[in-house]
Amino acid sequence: MSKFNQLQQAVYDLLPKGAERPRPASEFRTLLDIDKRALSVVINDLIVKHHIPIGSSRNDPTGYYLIETVEELQNAVRPLSRQANAELKRVDTLLQIDLTEFWAKEKADA
C-alpha cells in the first residue's frame, strides 16, 4: 500500500529535485487538471502529514521543488516565517480593537 493517495503521488512525481528549476504551479494545474486550492492542499499534506521537504520559490523562477540542501531549506522557510509573523500581527491587532468604541466613532463620524 502506497503512503500517498493518487493525487499526492502524481504531485510528488512531478516535483523536481533542487531549487534550480522549480515547477510552476500552473504546470501542476494543467498536467493534473486541479485548481490552485487543491494543489495547495496536496502540497501542504505532503509536507505536514508525510514530512516531504518541499520548497517553493516566490521569485523567478517560481514554483515547487524538493529541498536538497540546508541553504534551500532556509530559503524556503524564510518567506513562510515572515508571512506567519505578519498574520500573527494582524490577529493580535484585530483582537486589540474595541468594537464598541470603533462603531461608536463610526456612527459619530457619519
PDB file of N, CA and C in Angstrom:
ATOM      1  N   MET A   1       0.837  -1.181   0.000  1.00  0.00           N
ATOM      2  CA  MET A   1       0.000   0.000   0.000  1.00  0.00           C
ATOM      3  C   MET A   1       0.886   1.249   0.000  1.00  0.00           C
ATOM      4  N   SER A   2       0.599   2.172  -0.915  1.00  0.00           N
ATOM      5  CA  SER A   2       1.363   3.403  -1.028  1.00  0.00           C
ATOM      6  C   SER A   2       1.029   4.337   0.130  1.00  0.00           C
ATOM      7  N   LYS A   3       2.009   5.102   0.540  1.00  0.00           N
ATOM      8  CA  LYS A   3       1.756   6.056   1.620  1.00  0.00           C
ATOM      9  C   LYS A   3       1.006   7.289   1.124  1.00  0.00           C
ATOM     10  N   PHE A   4       0.971   7.500  -0.184  1.00  0.00           N
ATOM     11  CA  PHE A   4       0.288   8.656  -0.776  1.00  0.00           C
ATOM     12  C   PHE A   4      -0.991   8.211  -1.476  1.00  0.00           C
ATOM     13  N   ASN A   5      -1.969   9.132  -1.537  1.00  0.00           N
ATOM     14  CA  ASN A   5      -3.111   8.852  -2.412  1.00  0.00           C
ATOM     15  C   ASN A   5      -2.671   9.145  -3.846  1.00  0.00           C
ATOM     16  N   GLN A   6      -3.542   8.897  -4.789  1.00  0.00           N
ATOM     17  CA  GLN A   6      -3.181   9.014  -6.202  1.00  0.00           C
ATOM     18  C   GLN A   6      -2.756  10.431  -6.588  1.00  0.00           C
ATOM     19  N   LEU A   7      -3.487  11.431  -6.112  1.00  0.00           N
ATOM     20  CA  LEU A   7      -3.142  12.813  -6.445  1.00  0.00           C
ATOM     21  C   LEU A   7      -1.842  13.234  -5.774  1.00  0.00           C
ATOM     22  N   GLN A   8      -1.653  12.854  -4.527  1.00  0.00           N
ATOM     23  CA  GLN A   8      -0.401  13.165  -3.840  1.00  0.00           C
ATOM     24  C   GLN A   8       0.781  12.544  -4.576  1.00  0.00           C
ATOM     25  N   GLN A   9       0.633  11.315  -5.016  1.00  0.00           N
ATOM     26  CA  GLN A   9       1.713  10.637  -5.748  1.00  0.00           C
ATOM     27  C   GLN A   9       2.007  11.352  -7.055  1.00  0.00           C
ATOM     28  N   ALA A  10       0.955  11.776  -7.760  1.00  0.00           N
ATOM     29  CA  ALA A  10       1.138  12.478  -9.033  1.00  0.00           C
ATOM     30  C   ALA A  10       1.888  13.788  -8.829  1.00  0.00           C
ATOM     31  N   VAL A  11       1.528  14.533  -7.781  1.00  0.00           N
ATOM     32  CA  VAL A  11       2.227  15.798  -7.485  1.00  0.00           C
ATOM     33  C   VAL A  11       3.673  15.505  -7.112  1.00  0.00           C
ATOM     34  N   TYR A  12       3.868  14.538  -6.233  1.00  0.00           N
ATOM     35  CA  TYR A  12       5.233  14.177  -5.812  1.00  0.00           C
ATOM     36  C   TYR A  12       6.097  13.810  -7.018  1.00  0.00           C
ATOM     37  N   ASP A  13       5.543  13.016  -7.919  1.00  0.00           N
ATOM     38  CA  ASP A  13       6.293  12.570  -9.096  1.00  0.00           C
ATOM     39  C   ASP A  13       6.702  13.723 -10.009  1.00  0.00           C
ATOM     40  N   LEU A  14       5.974  14.831  -9.950  1.00  0.00           N
ATOM     41  CA  LEU A  14       6.286  15.988 -10.796  1.00  0.00           C
ATOM     42  C   LEU A  14       7.252  16.979 -10.143  1.00  0.00           C
ATOM     43  N   LEU A  15       7.572  16.767  -8.876  1.00  0.00           N
ATOM     44  CA  LEU A  15       8.464  17.691  -8.179  1.00  0.00           C
ATOM     45  C   LEU A  15       9.911  17.481  -8.603  1.00  0.00           C
ATOM     46  N   PRO A  16      10.565  18.537  -9.102  1.00  0.00           N
ATOM     47  CA  PRO A  16      11.988  18.417  -9.433  1.00  0.00           C
ATOM     48  C   PRO A  16      12.836  18.465  -8.159  1.00  0.00           C
ATOM     49  N   LYS A  17      13.997  17.851  -8.228  1.00  0.00           N
ATOM     50  CA  LYS A  17      14.934  17.915  -7.103  1.00  0.00           C
ATOM     51  C   LYS A  17      15.734  19.199  -7.216  1.00  0.00           C
ATOM     52  N   GLY A  18      15.776  19.942  -6.115  1.00  0.00           N
ATOM     53  CA  GLY A  18      16.573  21.158  -6.078  1.00  0.00           C
ATOM     54  C   GLY A  18      15.818  22.386  -6.551  1.00  0.00           C
ATOM     55  N   ALA A  19      16.317  23.537  -6.122  1.00  0.00           N
ATOM     56  CA  ALA A  19      15.653  24.821  -6.374  1.00  0.00           C
ATOM     57  C   ALA A  19      16.009  25.456  -7.713  1.00  0.00           C
ATOM     58  N   GLU A  20      16.924  24.856  -8.466  1.00  0.00           N
ATOM     59  CA  GLU A  20      17.356  25.498  -9.712  1.00  0.00           C
ATOM     60  C   GLU A  20      16.230  25.631 -10.725  1.00  0.00           C
ATOM     61  N   ARG A  21      15.405  24.611 -10.832  1.00  0.00           N
ATOM     62  CA  ARG A  21      14.313  24.632 -11.808  1.00  0.00           C
ATOM     63  C   ARG A  21      13.005  24.204 -11.153  1.00  0.00           C
ATOM     64  N   PRO A  22      12.444  25.053 -10.306  1.00  0.00           N
ATOM     65  CA  PRO A  22      11.178  24.680  -9.666  1.00  0.00           C
ATOM     66  C   PRO A  22      10.066  24.553 -10.712  1.00  0.00           C
ATOM     67  N   ARG A  23       9.110  23.683 -10.436  1.00  0.00           N
ATOM     68  CA  ARG A  23       7.986  23.504 -11.367  1.00  0.00           C
ATOM     69  C   ARG A  23       6.881  24.484 -10.989  1.00  0.00           C
ATOM     70  N   PRO A  24       6.480  25.329 -11.940  1.00  0.00           N
ATOM     71  CA  PRO A  24       5.436  26.312 -11.653  1.00  0.00           C
ATOM     72  C   PRO A  24       4.105  25.648 -11.292  1.00  0.00           C
ATOM     73  N   ALA A  25       3.361  26.301 -10.417  1.00  0.00           N
ATOM     74  CA  ALA A  25       2.044  25.790 -10.015  1.00  0.00           C
ATOM     75  C   ALA A  25       1.145  25.604 -11.226  1.00  0.00           C
ATOM     76  N   SER A  26       1.266  26.480 -12.206  1.00  0.00           N
ATOM     77  CA  SER A  26       0.427  26.384 -13.404  1.00  0.00           C
ATOM     78  C   SER A  26       0.642  25.060 -14.137  1.00  0.00           C
ATOM     79  N   GLU A  27       1.860  24.541 -14.121  1.00  0.00           N
ATOM     80  CA  GLU A  27       2.129  23.249 -14.770  1.00  0.00           C
ATOM     81  C   GLU A  27       1.443  22.108 -14.032  1.00  0.00           C
ATOM     82  N   PHE A  28       1.494  22.129 -12.697  1.00  0.00           N
ATOM     83  CA  PHE A  28       0.786  21.102 -11.921  1.00  0.00           C
ATOM     84  C   PHE A  28      -0.703  21.151 -12.248  1.00  0.00           C
ATOM     85  N   ARG A  29      -1.252  22.371 -12.267  1.00  0.00           N
ATOM     86  CA  ARG A  29      -2.685  22.518 -12.502  1.00  0.00           C
ATOM     87  C   ARG A  29      -3.065  22.021 -13.887  1.00  0.00           C
ATOM     88  N   THR A  30      -2.244  22.311 -14.889  1.00  0.00           N
ATOM     89  CA  THR A  30      -2.530  21.866 -16.248  1.00  0.00           C
ATOM     90  C   THR A  30      -2.346  20.359 -16.391  1.00  0.00           C
ATOM     91  N   LEU A  31      -1.222  19.847 -15.929  1.00  0.00           N
ATOM     92  CA  LEU A  31      -0.920  18.421 -16.089  1.00  0.00           C
ATOM     93  C   LEU A  31      -1.856  17.517 -15.290  1.00  0.00           C
ATOM     94  N   LEU A  32      -2.313  17.999 -14.139  1.00  0.00           N
ATOM     95  CA  LEU A  32      -3.136  17.163 -13.269  1.00  0.00           C
ATOM     96  C   LEU A  32      -4.601  17.595 -13.242  1.00  0.00           C
ATOM     97  N   ASP A  33      -4.929  18.646 -13.968  1.00  0.00           N
ATOM     98  CA  ASP A  33      -6.294  19.161 -14.034  1.00  0.00           C
ATOM     99  C   ASP A  33      -6.868  19.404 -12.638  1.00  0.00           C
ATOM    100  N   ILE A  34      -6.114  20.169 -11.836  1.00  0.00           N
ATOM    101  CA  ILE A  34      -6.575  20.539 -10.492  1.00  0.00           C
ATOM    102  C   ILE A  34      -6.501  22.050 -10.356  1.00  0.00           C
ATOM    103  N   ASP A  35      -7.261  22.595  -9.428  1.00  0.00           N
ATOM    104  CA  ASP A  35      -7.237  24.044  -9.231  1.00  0.00           C
ATOM    105  C   ASP A  35      -6.162  24.428  -8.221  1.00  0.00           C
ATOM    106  N   LYS A  36      -5.975  25.724  -8.092  1.00  0.00           N
ATOM    107  CA  LYS A  36      -4.917  26.275  -7.228  1.00  0.00           C
ATOM    108  C   LYS A  36      -5.077  25.815  -5.779  1.00  0.00           C
ATOM    109  N   ARG A  37      -6.313  25.840  -5.284  1.00  0.00           N
ATOM    110  CA  ARG A  37      -6.580  25.452  -3.890  1.00  0.00           C
ATOM    111  C   ARG A  37      -6.261  23.975  -3.670  1.00  0.00           C
ATOM    112  N   ALA A  38      -6.675  23.122  -4.586  1.00  0.00           N
ATOM    113  CA  ALA A  38      -6.408  21.686  -4.449  1.00  0.00           C
ATOM    114  C   ALA A  38      -4.904  21.408  -4.445  1.00  0.00           C
ATOM    115  N   LEU A  39      -4.166  22.106  -5.302  1.00  0.00           N
ATOM    116  CA  LEU A  39      -2.713  21.935  -5.326  1.00  0.00           C
ATOM    117  C   LEU A  39      -2.114  22.357  -3.998  1.00  0.00           C
ATOM    118  N   SER A  40      -2.575  23.465  -3.464  1.00  0.00           N
ATOM    119  CA  SER A  40      -2.077  23.952  -2.184  1.00  0.00           C
ATOM    120  C   SER A  40      -2.337  22.935  -1.069  1.00  0.00           C
ATOM    121  N   VAL A  41      -3.502  22.341  -1.060  1.00  0.00           N
ATOM    122  CA  VAL A  41      -3.844  21.336  -0.048  1.00  0.00           C
ATOM    123  C   VAL A  41      -2.934  20.115  -0.186  1.00  0.00           C
ATOM    124  N   VAL A  42      -2.702  19.668  -1.401  1.00  0.00           N
ATOM    125  CA  VAL A  42      -1.836  18.496  -1.620  1.00  0.00           C
ATOM    126  C   VAL A  42      -0.408  18.792  -1.175  1.00  0.00           C
ATOM    127  N   ILE A  43       0.115  19.953  -1.555  1.00  0.00           N
ATOM    128  CA  ILE A  43       1.478  20.329  -1.152  1.00  0.00           C
ATOM    129  C   ILE A  43       1.560  20.378   0.370  1.00  0.00           C
ATOM    130  N   ASN A  44       0.579  21.000   1.007  1.00  0.00           N
ATOM    131  CA  ASN A  44       0.561  21.084   2.467  1.00  0.00           C
ATOM    132  C   ASN A  44       0.516  19.693   3.097  1.00  0.00           C
ATOM    133  N   ASP A  45      -0.328  18.812   2.582  1.00  0.00           N
ATOM    134  CA  ASP A  45      -0.420  17.445   3.114  1.00  0.00           C
ATOM    135  C   ASP A  45       0.899  16.691   2.950  1.00  0.00           C
ATOM    136  N   LEU A  46       1.545  16.852   1.803  1.00  0.00           N
ATOM    137  CA  LEU A  46       2.825  16.175   1.594  1.00  0.00           C
ATOM    138  C   LEU A  46       3.863  16.641   2.614  1.00  0.00           C
ATOM    139  N   ILE A  47       3.846  17.931   2.917  1.00  0.00           N
ATOM    140  CA  ILE A  47       4.806  18.471   3.889  1.00  0.00           C
ATOM    141  C   ILE A  47       4.425  18.074   5.313  1.00  0.00           C
ATOM    142  N   VAL A  48       3.194  18.372   5.708  1.00  0.00           N
ATOM    143  CA  VAL A  48       2.783  18.226   7.103  1.00  0.00           C
ATOM    144  C   VAL A  48       2.511  16.773   7.487  1.00  0.00           C
ATOM    145  N   LYS A  49       1.808  16.039   6.659  1.00  0.00           N
ATOM    146  CA  LYS A  49       1.429  14.669   7.007  1.00  0.00           C
ATOM    147  C   LYS A  49       2.499  13.633   6.663  1.00  0.00           C
ATOM    148  N   HIS A  50       3.239  13.915   5.576  1.00  0.00           N
ATOM    149  CA  HIS A  50       4.200  12.914   5.106  1.00  0.00           C
ATOM    150  C   HIS A  50       5.661  13.344   5.249  1.00  0.00           C
ATOM    151  N   HIS A  51       5.871  14.545   5.760  1.00  0.00           N
ATOM    152  CA  HIS A  51       7.230  15.060   6.017  1.00  0.00           C
ATOM    153  C   HIS A  51       8.116  15.067   4.773  1.00  0.00           C
ATOM    154  N   ILE A  52       7.542  15.486   3.660  1.00  0.00           N
ATOM    155  CA  ILE A  52       8.296  15.614   2.417  1.00  0.00           C
ATOM    156  C   ILE A  52       8.849  17.041   2.367  1.00  0.00           C
ATOM    157  N   PRO A  53      10.162  17.196   2.159  1.00  0.00           N
ATOM    158  CA  PRO A  53      10.758  18.541   2.160  1.00  0.00           C
ATOM    159  C   PRO A  53      10.508  19.266   0.838  1.00  0.00           C
ATOM    160  N   ILE A  54       9.374  19.958   0.767  1.00  0.00           N
ATOM    161  CA  ILE A  54       9.007  20.684  -0.451  1.00  0.00           C
ATOM    162  C   ILE A  54       9.193  22.175  -0.203  1.00  0.00           C
ATOM    163  N   GLY A  55       9.929  22.791  -1.090  1.00  0.00           N
ATOM    164  CA  GLY A  55      10.121  24.230  -1.023  1.00  0.00           C
ATOM    165  C   GLY A  55       9.376  24.890  -2.160  1.00  0.00           C
ATOM    166  N   SER A  56       9.222  26.185  -2.028  1.00  0.00           N
ATOM    167  CA  SER A  56       8.636  26.950  -3.122  1.00  0.00           C
ATOM    168  C   SER A  56       9.416  28.235  -3.282  1.00  0.00           C
ATOM    169  N   SER A  57       9.504  28.651  -4.511  1.00  0.00           N
ATOM    170  CA  SER A  57      10.196  29.889  -4.827  1.00  0.00           C
ATOM    171  C   SER A  57       9.167  30.919  -5.246  1.00  0.00           C
ATOM    172  N   ARG A  58       9.207  32.081  -4.611  1.00  0.00           N
ATOM    173  CA  ARG A  58       8.275  33.158  -4.953  1.00  0.00           C
ATOM    174  C   ARG A  58       8.908  34.141  -5.923  1.00  0.00           C
ATOM    175  N   ASN A  59      10.205  33.980  -6.161  1.00  0.00           N
ATOM    176  CA  ASN A  59      10.918  34.811  -7.127  1.00  0.00           C
ATOM    177  C   ASN A  59      11.178  33.978  -8.374  1.00  0.00           C
ATOM    178  N   ASP A  60      11.385  34.672  -9.506  1.00  0.00           N
ATOM    179  CA  ASP A  60      11.655  33.942 -10.755  1.00  0.00           C
ATOM    180  C   ASP A  60      12.925  33.131 -10.653  1.00  0.00           C
ATOM    181  N   PRO A  61      12.914  31.892 -11.031  1.00  0.00           N
ATOM    182  CA  PRO A  61      11.748  31.140 -11.488  1.00  0.00           C
ATOM    183  C   PRO A  61      10.905  30.674 -10.297  1.00  0.00           C
ATOM    184  N   THR A  62       9.590  30.831 -10.396  1.00  0.00           N
ATOM    185  CA  THR A  62       8.695  30.449  -9.316  1.00  0.00           C
ATOM    186  C   THR A  62       8.286  28.986  -9.460  1.00  0.00           C
ATOM    187  N   GLY A  63       7.897  28.393  -8.349  1.00  0.00           N
ATOM    188  CA  GLY A  63       7.399  27.025  -8.403  1.00  0.00           C
ATOM    189  C   GLY A  63       7.803  26.215  -7.191  1.00  0.00           C
ATOM    190  N   TYR A  64       7.472  24.928  -7.265  1.00  0.00           N
ATOM    191  CA  TYR A  64       7.738  23.985  -6.184  1.00  0.00           C
ATOM    192  C   TYR A  64       8.888  23.058  -6.555  1.00  0.00           C
ATOM    193  N   TYR A  65       9.588  22.573  -5.516  1.00  0.00           N
ATOM    194  CA  TYR A  65      10.718  21.673  -5.726  1.00  0.00           C
ATOM    195  C   TYR A  65      10.976  20.878  -4.446  1.00  0.00           C
ATOM    196  N   LEU A  66      11.712  19.785  -4.594  1.00  0.00           N
ATOM    197  CA  LEU A  66      12.150  19.011  -3.433  1.00  0.00           C
ATOM    198  C   LEU A  66      13.433  19.629  -2.895  1.00  0.00           C
ATOM    199  N   ILE A  67      13.419  19.989  -1.642  1.00  0.00           N
ATOM    200  CA  ILE A  67      14.569  20.630  -0.997  1.00  0.00           C
ATOM    201  C   ILE A  67      15.695  19.613  -0.844  1.00  0.00           C
ATOM    202  N   GLU A  68      16.885  19.995  -1.301  1.00  0.00           N
ATOM    203  CA  GLU A  68      18.038  19.101  -1.218  1.00  0.00           C
ATOM    204  C   GLU A  68      19.105  19.556  -0.233  1.00  0.00           C
ATOM    205  N   THR A  69      19.199  20.853   0.025  1.00  0.00           N
ATOM    206  CA  THR A  69      20.290  21.364   0.856  1.00  0.00           C
ATOM    207  C   THR A  69      19.749  22.219   2.006  1.00  0.00           C
ATOM    208  N   VAL A  70      20.604  22.437   2.986  1.00  0.00           N
ATOM    209  CA  VAL A  70      20.243  23.304   4.108  1.00  0.00           C
ATOM    210  C   VAL A  70      19.965  24.720   3.599  1.00  0.00           C
ATOM    211  N   GLU A  71      20.730  25.189   2.640  1.00  0.00           N
ATOM    212  CA  GLU A  71      20.510  26.529   2.075  1.00  0.00           C
ATOM    213  C   GLU A  71      19.134  26.617   1.422  1.00  0.00           C
ATOM    214  N   GLU A  72      18.755  25.597   0.660  1.00  0.00           N
ATOM    215  CA  GLU A  72      17.427  25.590   0.047  1.00  0.00           C
ATOM    216  C   GLU A  72      16.333  25.565   1.118  1.00  0.00           C
ATOM    217  N   LEU A  73      16.566  24.825   2.183  1.00  0.00           N
ATOM    218  CA  LEU A  73      15.605  24.769   3.289  1.00  0.00           C
ATOM    219  C   LEU A  73      15.435  26.152   3.904  1.00  0.00           C
ATOM    220  N   GLN A  74      16.548  26.827   4.178  1.00  0.00           N
ATOM    221  CA  GLN A  74      16.485  28.170   4.762  1.00  0.00           C
ATOM    222  C   GLN A  74      15.777  29.145   3.828  1.00  0.00           C
ATOM    223  N   ASN A  75      16.062  29.048   2.524  1.00  0.00           N
ATOM    224  CA  ASN A  75      15.420  29.926   1.547  1.00  0.00           C
ATOM    225  C   ASN A  75      13.921  29.655   1.440  1.00  0.00           C
ATOM    226  N   ALA A  76      13.521  28.416   1.647  1.00  0.00           N
ATOM    227  CA  ALA A  76      12.101  28.056   1.584  1.00  0.00           C
ATOM    228  C   ALA A  76      11.363  28.500   2.842  1.00  0.00           C
ATOM    229  N   VAL A  77      12.019  28.428   3.983  1.00  0.00           N
ATOM    230  CA  VAL A  77      11.382  28.743   5.261  1.00  0.00           C
ATOM    231  C   VAL A  77      11.286  30.246   5.503  1.00  0.00           C
ATOM    232  N   ARG A  78      12.239  31.003   5.030  1.00  0.00           N
ATOM    233  CA  ARG A  78      12.291  32.446   5.308  1.00  0.00           C
ATOM    234  C   ARG A  78      10.993  33.173   4.953  1.00  0.00           C
ATOM    235  N   PRO A  79      10.478  33.065   3.721  1.00  0.00           N
ATOM    236  CA  PRO A  79       9.237  33.788   3.414  1.00  0.00           C
ATOM    237  C   PRO A  79       8.026  33.253   4.178  1.00  0.00           C
ATOM    238  N   LEU A  80       8.020  31.963   4.483  1.00  0.00           N
ATOM    239  CA  LEU A  80       6.917  31.392   5.272  1.00  0.00           C
ATOM    240  C   LEU A  80       6.908  31.968   6.676  1.00  0.00           C
ATOM    241  N   SER A  81       8.090  32.115   7.251  1.00  0.00           N
ATOM    242  CA  SER A  81       8.218  32.679   8.589  1.00  0.00           C
ATOM    243  C   SER A  81       7.756  34.132   8.614  1.00  0.00           C
ATOM    244  N   ARG A  82       8.150  34.900   7.611  1.00  0.00           N
ATOM    245  CA  ARG A  82       7.726  36.301   7.531  1.00  0.00           C
ATOM    246  C   ARG A  82       6.210  36.397   7.381  1.00  0.00           C
ATOM    247  N   GLN A  83       5.645  35.536   6.538  1.00  0.00           N
ATOM    248  CA  GLN A  83       4.201  35.530   6.329  1.00  0.00           C
ATOM    249  C   GLN A  83       3.472  35.175   7.623  1.00  0.00           C
ATOM    250  N   ALA A  84       3.974  34.164   8.331  1.00  0.00           N
ATOM    251  CA  ALA A  84       3.346  33.752   9.592  1.00  0.00           C
ATOM    252  C   ALA A  84       3.400  34.887  10.615  1.00  0.00           C
ATOM    253  N   ASN A  85       4.527  35.564  10.709  1.00  0.00           N
ATOM    254  CA  ASN A  85       4.655  36.682  11.645  1.00  0.00           C
ATOM    255  C   ASN A  85       3.696  37.816  11.291  1.00  0.00           C
ATOM    256  N   ALA A  86       3.551  38.103   9.993  1.00  0.00           N
ATOM    257  CA  ALA A  86       2.624  39.157   9.565  1.00  0.00           C
ATOM    258  C   ALA A  86       1.183  38.765   9.898  1.00  0.00           C
ATOM    259  N   GLU A  87       0.840  37.514   9.703  1.00  0.00           N
ATOM    260  CA  GLU A  87      -0.517  37.047  10.026  1.00  0.00           C
ATOM    261  C   GLU A  87      -0.780  37.137  11.524  1.00  0.00           C
ATOM    262  N   LEU A  88       0.206  36.760  12.348  1.00  0.00           N
ATOM    263  CA  LEU A  88       0.041  36.858  13.795  1.00  0.00           C
ATOM    264  C   LEU A  88      -0.117  38.310  14.245  1.00  0.00           C
ATOM    265  N   LYS A  89       0.616  39.212  13.609  1.00  0.00           N
ATOM    266  CA  LYS A  89       0.475  40.636  13.931  1.00  0.00           C
ATOM    267  C   LYS A  89      -0.937  41.100  13.603  1.00  0.00           C
ATOM    268  N   ARG A  90      -1.473  40.656  12.483  1.00  0.00           N
ATOM    269  CA  ARG A  90      -2.835  41.006  12.095  1.00  0.00           C
ATOM    270  C   ARG A  90      -3.846  40.481  13.115  1.00  0.00           C
ATOM    271  N   VAL A  91      -3.677  39.224  13.542  1.00  0.00           N
ATOM    272  CA  VAL A  91      -4.560  38.636  14.550  1.00  0.00           C
ATOM    273  C   VAL A  91      -4.493  39.435  15.845  1.00  0.00           C
ATOM    274  N   ASP A  92      -3.282  39.706  16.304  1.00  0.00           N
ATOM    275  CA  ASP A  92      -3.116  40.469  17.548  1.00  0.00           C
ATOM    276  C   ASP A  92      -3.780  41.842  17.461  1.00  0.00           C
ATOM    277  N   THR A  93      -3.601  42.519  16.338  1.00  0.00           N
ATOM    278  CA  THR A  93      -4.190  43.843  16.159  1.00  0.00           C
ATOM    279  C   THR A  93      -5.713  43.767  16.179  1.00  0.00           C
ATOM    280  N   LEU A  94      -6.278  42.793  15.460  1.00  0.00           N
ATOM    281  CA  LEU A  94      -7.733  42.635  15.454  1.00  0.00           C
ATOM    282  C   LEU A  94      -8.272  42.377  16.855  1.00  0.00           C
ATOM    283  N   LEU A  95      -7.572  41.557  17.622  1.00  0.00           N
ATOM    284  CA  LEU A  95      -8.036  41.234  18.966  1.00  0.00           C
ATOM    285  C   LEU A  95      -7.949  42.429  19.921  1.00  0.00           C
ATOM    286  N   GLN A  96      -7.136  43.408  19.597  1.00  0.00           N
ATOM    287  CA  GLN A  96      -6.994  44.588  20.440  1.00  0.00           C
ATOM    288  C   GLN A  96      -8.017  45.683  20.123  1.00  0.00           C
ATOM    289  N   ILE A  97      -8.747  45.541  19.037  1.00  0.00           N
ATOM    290  CA  ILE A  97      -9.722  46.566  18.650  1.00  0.00           C
ATOM    291  C   ILE A  97     -10.953  46.467  19.546  1.00  0.00           C
ATOM    292  N   ASP A  98     -11.336  47.585  20.111  1.00  0.00           N
ATOM    293  CA  ASP A  98     -12.561  47.670  20.906  1.00  0.00           C
ATOM    294  C   ASP A  98     -13.710  47.942  19.935  1.00  0.00           C
ATOM    295  N   LEU A  99     -14.528  46.937  19.666  1.00  0.00           N
ATOM    296  CA  LEU A  99     -15.592  47.066  18.679  1.00  0.00           C
ATOM    297  C   LEU A  99     -16.634  48.119  19.069  1.00  0.00           C
ATOM    298  N   THR A 100     -16.965  48.198  20.346  1.00  0.00           N
ATOM    299  CA  THR A 100     -17.934  49.189  20.796  1.00  0.00           C
ATOM    300  C   THR A 100     -17.422  50.591  20.517  1.00  0.00           C
ATOM    301  N   GLU A 101     -16.171  50.812  20.841  1.00  0.00           N
ATOM    302  CA  GLU A 101     -15.550  52.126  20.601  1.00  0.00           C
ATOM    303  C   GLU A 101     -15.464  52.429  19.110  1.00  0.00           C
ATOM    304  N   PHE A 102     -15.060  51.447  18.325  1.00  0.00           N
ATOM    305  CA  PHE A 102     -14.929  51.642  16.873  1.00  0.00           C
ATOM    306  C   PHE A 102     -16.267  52.042  16.258  1.00  0.00           C
ATOM    307  N   TRP A 103     -17.333  51.287  16.574  1.00  0.00           N
ATOM    308  CA  TRP A 103     -18.630  51.559  15.951  1.00  0.00           C
ATOM    309  C   TRP A 103     -19.262  52.845  16.480  1.00  0.00           C
ATOM    310  N   ALA A 104     -18.970  53.195  17.711  1.00  0.00           N
ATOM    311  CA  ALA A 104     -19.457  54.467  18.248  1.00  0.00           C
ATOM    312  C   ALA A 104     -18.825  55.623  17.475  1.00  0.00           C
ATOM    313  N   LYS A 105     -17.530  55.510  17.218  1.00  0.00           N
ATOM    314  CA  LYS A 105     -16.821  56.544  16.451  1.00  0.00           C
ATOM    315  C   LYS A 105     -17.331  56.592  15.016  1.00  0.00           C
ATOM    316  N   GLU A 106     -17.546  55.440  14.393  1.00  0.00           N
ATOM    317  CA  GLU A 106     -18.065  55.401  13.032  1.00  0.00           C
ATOM    318  C   GLU A 106     -19.425  56.098  12.951  1.00  0.00           C
ATOM    319  N   LYS A 107     -20.267  55.825  13.938  1.00  0.00           N
ATOM    320  CA  LYS A 107     -21.612  56.415  13.971  1.00  0.00           C
ATOM    321  C   LYS A 107     -21.525  57.939  14.151  1.00  0.00           C
ATOM    322  N   ALA A 108     -20.604  58.371  15.007  1.00  0.00           N
ATOM    323  CA  ALA A 108     -20.429  59.803  15.260  1.00  0.00           C
ATOM    324  C   ALA A 108     -19.893  60.527  14.028  1.00  0.00           C
ATOM    325  N   ASP A 109     -19.019  59.845  13.261  1.00  0.00           N
ATOM    326  CA  ASP A 109     -18.420  60.454  12.070  1.00  0.00           C
ATOM    327  C   ASP A 109     -19.393  60.491  10.886  1.00  0.00           C
ATOM    328  N   ALA A 110     -20.454  59.701  10.948  1.00  0.00           N
ATOM    329  CA  ALA A 110     -21.371  59.614   9.817  1.00  0.00           C
ATOM    330  C   ALA A 110     -22.262  60.817   9.641  1.00  0.00           C
TER     331      ALA A 110
END
